[in-house]
C-alpha cells in the first residue's frame, strides 16, 4: 500500500523559513515526478514545485528564487525548503508523486498547514 506522508508545517512569521518533508513508501521512485502543491481557502490547488527522479526541477513563478525542492531517491523523500515566506504563502501544502509511464499512478499526501503571520 502506497503512503505519502508530509511533515514540517506550522506557523512562521513573515520573512521566516520553513522546511516541509514528504516520505513515500510502498512504491518506486523510478521514472516519477514528485511535487509540492498548495491550496489556500477559496482557491484552487496550485503547483509549487516539482522534481523528477532524474533531478530536473521546476518552480511556479511565486516560488522561484525562494523555495528549493529536493529529492532523495534512496530514502524516498522529497523536501521543500521555503525561505522569505509571506502571508500569501499560507495554505495547505500537499505532496504528490506520479508516474507517467506504465504502470502509471498518482498519490497524494493528506496535506500540512503552513501559516505565515505575525
C-alpha atoms as a PDB file:
ATOM      1  CA  UNK A   1       0.000   0.000   0.000  1.00  0.00           C
ATOM      2  CA  UNK A   2       1.369   3.381  -1.005  1.00  0.00           C
ATOM      3  CA  UNK A   3       1.664   6.032   1.668  1.00  0.00           C
ATOM      4  CA  UNK A   4       2.619   9.674   1.191  1.00  0.00           C
ATOM      5  CA  UNK A   5       3.211  11.441   4.493  1.00  0.00           C
ATOM      6  CA  UNK A   6       4.050  15.120   4.861  1.00  0.00           C
ATOM      7  CA  UNK A   7       5.571  16.812   7.871  1.00  0.00           C
ATOM      8  CA  UNK A   8       7.056  20.139   8.854  1.00  0.00           C
ATOM      9  CA  UNK A   9       4.145  22.534   8.565  1.00  0.00           C
ATOM     10  CA  UNK A  10       3.336  25.172  11.132  1.00  0.00           C
ATOM     11  CA  UNK A  11       3.201  28.853  11.965  1.00  0.00           C
ATOM     12  CA  UNK A  12       6.019  31.150  10.890  1.00  0.00           C
ATOM     13  CA  UNK A  13       6.478  34.912  10.857  1.00  0.00           C
ATOM     14  CA  UNK A  14       6.766  36.841   7.595  1.00  0.00           C
ATOM     15  CA  UNK A  15      10.293  36.653   6.276  1.00  0.00           C
ATOM     16  CA  UNK A  16      10.892  33.358   8.025  1.00  0.00           C
ATOM     17  CA  UNK A  17      11.701  29.903   6.722  1.00  0.00           C
ATOM     18  CA  UNK A  18      10.120  26.502   6.916  1.00  0.00           C
ATOM     19  CA  UNK A  19      11.090  23.094   5.600  1.00  0.00           C
ATOM     20  CA  UNK A  20       8.489  20.575   4.535  1.00  0.00           C
ATOM     21  CA  UNK A  21       9.307  16.898   4.181  1.00  0.00           C
ATOM     22  CA  UNK A  22       7.475  14.123   2.384  1.00  0.00           C
ATOM     23  CA  UNK A  23       8.142  10.425   2.842  1.00  0.00           C
ATOM     24  CA  UNK A  24       6.854   7.915   0.320  1.00  0.00           C
ATOM     25  CA  UNK A  25       6.556   4.204   0.994  1.00  0.00           C
ATOM     26  CA  UNK A  26       5.181   1.305  -0.966  1.00  0.00           C
ATOM     27  CA  UNK A  27       6.229   2.372  -4.442  1.00  0.00           C
ATOM     28  CA  UNK A  28       9.238   3.058  -6.559  1.00  0.00           C
ATOM     29  CA  UNK A  29      10.710   6.478  -7.256  1.00  0.00           C
ATOM     30  CA  UNK A  30      11.843   5.286 -10.663  1.00  0.00           C
ATOM     31  CA  UNK A  31      10.553   7.391 -13.582  1.00  0.00           C
ATOM     32  CA  UNK A  32       8.420   9.555 -11.319  1.00  0.00           C
ATOM     33  CA  UNK A  33       7.723  13.214 -10.779  1.00  0.00           C
ATOM     34  CA  UNK A  34       7.456  14.363  -7.189  1.00  0.00           C
ATOM     35  CA  UNK A  35       5.857  17.641  -6.385  1.00  0.00           C
ATOM     36  CA  UNK A  36       4.549  20.034  -3.822  1.00  0.00           C
ATOM     37  CA  UNK A  37       1.224  21.751  -4.374  1.00  0.00           C
ATOM     38  CA  UNK A  38      -0.742  24.116  -2.178  1.00  0.00           C
ATOM     39  CA  UNK A  39      -4.317  25.187  -1.706  1.00  0.00           C
ATOM     40  CA  UNK A  40      -5.418  28.318   0.084  1.00  0.00           C
ATOM     41  CA  UNK A  41      -9.020  28.769   1.294  1.00  0.00           C
ATOM     42  CA  UNK A  42     -11.332  29.535  -1.590  1.00  0.00           C
ATOM     43  CA  UNK A  43      -8.652  28.907  -4.191  1.00  0.00           C
ATOM     44  CA  UNK A  44      -7.745  26.055  -6.470  1.00  0.00           C
ATOM     45  CA  UNK A  45      -4.862  23.758  -5.725  1.00  0.00           C
ATOM     46  CA  UNK A  46      -1.755  25.060  -7.461  1.00  0.00           C
ATOM     47  CA  UNK A  47       1.666  23.764  -8.327  1.00  0.00           C
ATOM     48  CA  UNK A  48       4.540  24.980  -6.174  1.00  0.00           C
ATOM     49  CA  UNK A  49       7.478  22.921  -7.358  1.00  0.00           C
ATOM     50  CA  UNK A  50       8.322  19.565  -8.889  1.00  0.00           C
ATOM     51  CA  UNK A  51      11.387  17.389  -9.197  1.00  0.00           C
ATOM     52  CA  UNK A  52      11.815  14.368 -11.416  1.00  0.00           C
ATOM     53  CA  UNK A  53      13.549  11.187 -10.373  1.00  0.00           C
ATOM     54  CA  UNK A  54      16.320  12.355 -12.678  1.00  0.00           C
ATOM     55  CA  UNK A  55      16.740  15.574 -10.707  1.00  0.00           C
ATOM     56  CA  UNK A  56      15.107  18.134 -13.007  1.00  0.00           C
ATOM     57  CA  UNK A  57      13.285  20.814 -11.038  1.00  0.00           C
ATOM     58  CA  UNK A  58      10.510  23.193 -11.933  1.00  0.00           C
ATOM     59  CA  UNK A  59       9.048  26.062  -9.920  1.00  0.00           C
ATOM     60  CA  UNK A  60       5.975  28.212 -10.002  1.00  0.00           C
ATOM     61  CA  UNK A  61       6.787  31.877 -10.545  1.00  0.00           C
ATOM     62  CA  UNK A  62       5.717  32.590  -6.962  1.00  0.00           C
ATOM     63  CA  UNK A  63       8.244  30.071  -5.629  1.00  0.00           C
ATOM     64  CA  UNK A  64      11.180  30.774  -7.924  1.00  0.00           C
ATOM     65  CA  UNK A  65      14.170  32.086  -6.009  1.00  0.00           C
ATOM     66  CA  UNK A  66      12.599  31.491  -2.583  1.00  0.00           C
ATOM     67  CA  UNK A  67      11.789  27.784  -2.482  1.00  0.00           C
ATOM     68  CA  UNK A  68      14.006  24.795  -3.172  1.00  0.00           C
ATOM     69  CA  UNK A  69      12.740  21.305  -3.853  1.00  0.00           C
ATOM     70  CA  UNK A  70      14.992  18.301  -3.418  1.00  0.00           C
ATOM     71  CA  UNK A  71      14.545  14.559  -3.573  1.00  0.00           C
ATOM     72  CA  UNK A  72      16.453  11.694  -2.036  1.00  0.00           C
ATOM     73  CA  UNK A  73      15.758   8.676  -4.202  1.00  0.00           C
ATOM     74  CA  UNK A  74      17.401   6.256  -1.782  1.00  0.00           C
ATOM     75  CA  UNK A  75      15.327   7.444   1.168  1.00  0.00           C
ATOM     76  CA  UNK A  76      12.234   8.123  -0.986  1.00  0.00           C
ATOM     77  CA  UNK A  77      11.791  11.576   0.443  1.00  0.00           C
ATOM     78  CA  UNK A  78      11.162  14.931  -1.146  1.00  0.00           C
ATOM     79  CA  UNK A  79      11.682  18.158   0.744  1.00  0.00           C
ATOM     80  CA  UNK A  80      10.634  21.733   0.153  1.00  0.00           C
ATOM     81  CA  UNK A  81      12.768  24.440   1.718  1.00  0.00           C
ATOM     82  CA  UNK A  82      10.801  27.666   1.872  1.00  0.00           C
ATOM     83  CA  UNK A  83      12.527  30.977   2.581  1.00  0.00           C
ATOM     84  CA  UNK A  84      11.350  34.581   2.700  1.00  0.00           C
ATOM     85  CA  UNK A  85       7.818  33.473   3.437  1.00  0.00           C
ATOM     86  CA  UNK A  86       4.962  35.939   3.224  1.00  0.00           C
ATOM     87  CA  UNK A  87       1.286  35.731   4.191  1.00  0.00           C
ATOM     88  CA  UNK A  88       0.429  34.863   0.587  1.00  0.00           C
ATOM     89  CA  UNK A  89       2.227  31.558   1.082  1.00  0.00           C
ATOM     90  CA  UNK A  90      -0.270  30.464   3.726  1.00  0.00           C
ATOM     91  CA  UNK A  91      -2.041  27.337   2.536  1.00  0.00           C
ATOM     92  CA  UNK A  92      -2.328  23.617   2.968  1.00  0.00           C
ATOM     93  CA  UNK A  93       0.664  22.059   1.229  1.00  0.00           C
ATOM     94  CA  UNK A  94       0.305  18.682  -0.426  1.00  0.00           C
ATOM     95  CA  UNK A  95       2.952  16.239  -1.585  1.00  0.00           C
ATOM     96  CA  UNK A  96       2.334  14.299  -4.780  1.00  0.00           C
ATOM     97  CA  UNK A  97       4.124  11.523  -6.581  1.00  0.00           C
ATOM     98  CA  UNK A  98       3.131  10.476 -10.052  1.00  0.00           C
ATOM     99  CA  UNK A  99       4.401   8.194 -12.769  1.00  0.00           C
ATOM    100  CA  UNK A 100       3.537   8.935 -16.355  1.00  0.00           C
ATOM    101  CA  UNK A 101       4.911   5.751 -17.900  1.00  0.00           C
ATOM    102  CA  UNK A 102       3.375   2.327 -17.493  1.00  0.00           C
ATOM    103  CA  UNK A 103       2.435   1.453 -14.830  1.00  0.00           C
ATOM    104  CA  UNK A 104       1.097   4.939 -14.251  1.00  0.00           C
ATOM    105  CA  UNK A 105      -0.043   6.181 -10.847  1.00  0.00           C
ATOM    106  CA  UNK A 106      -0.512   9.269  -8.751  1.00  0.00           C
ATOM    107  CA  UNK A 107      -0.700   9.525  -4.996  1.00  0.00           C
ATOM    108  CA  UNK A 108      -1.332  12.447  -2.668  1.00  0.00           C
ATOM    109  CA  UNK A 109      -0.489  13.074   0.938  1.00  0.00           C
ATOM    110  CA  UNK A 110      -3.005  14.346   3.457  1.00  0.00           C
ATOM    111  CA  UNK A 111      -1.538  17.854   3.463  1.00  0.00           C
ATOM    112  CA  UNK A 112       0.110  20.071   6.063  1.00  0.00           C
ATOM    113  CA  UNK A 113      -0.906  23.561   7.092  1.00  0.00           C
ATOM    114  CA  UNK A 114       1.532  26.411   6.606  1.00  0.00           C
ATOM    115  CA  UNK A 115       0.528  29.730   8.136  1.00  0.00           C
ATOM    116  CA  UNK A 116       2.615  32.857   7.683  1.00  0.00           C
ATOM    117  CA  UNK A 117       1.535  35.512  10.136  1.00  0.00           C
ATOM    118  CA  UNK A 118       2.911  37.943  12.653  1.00  0.00           C
END
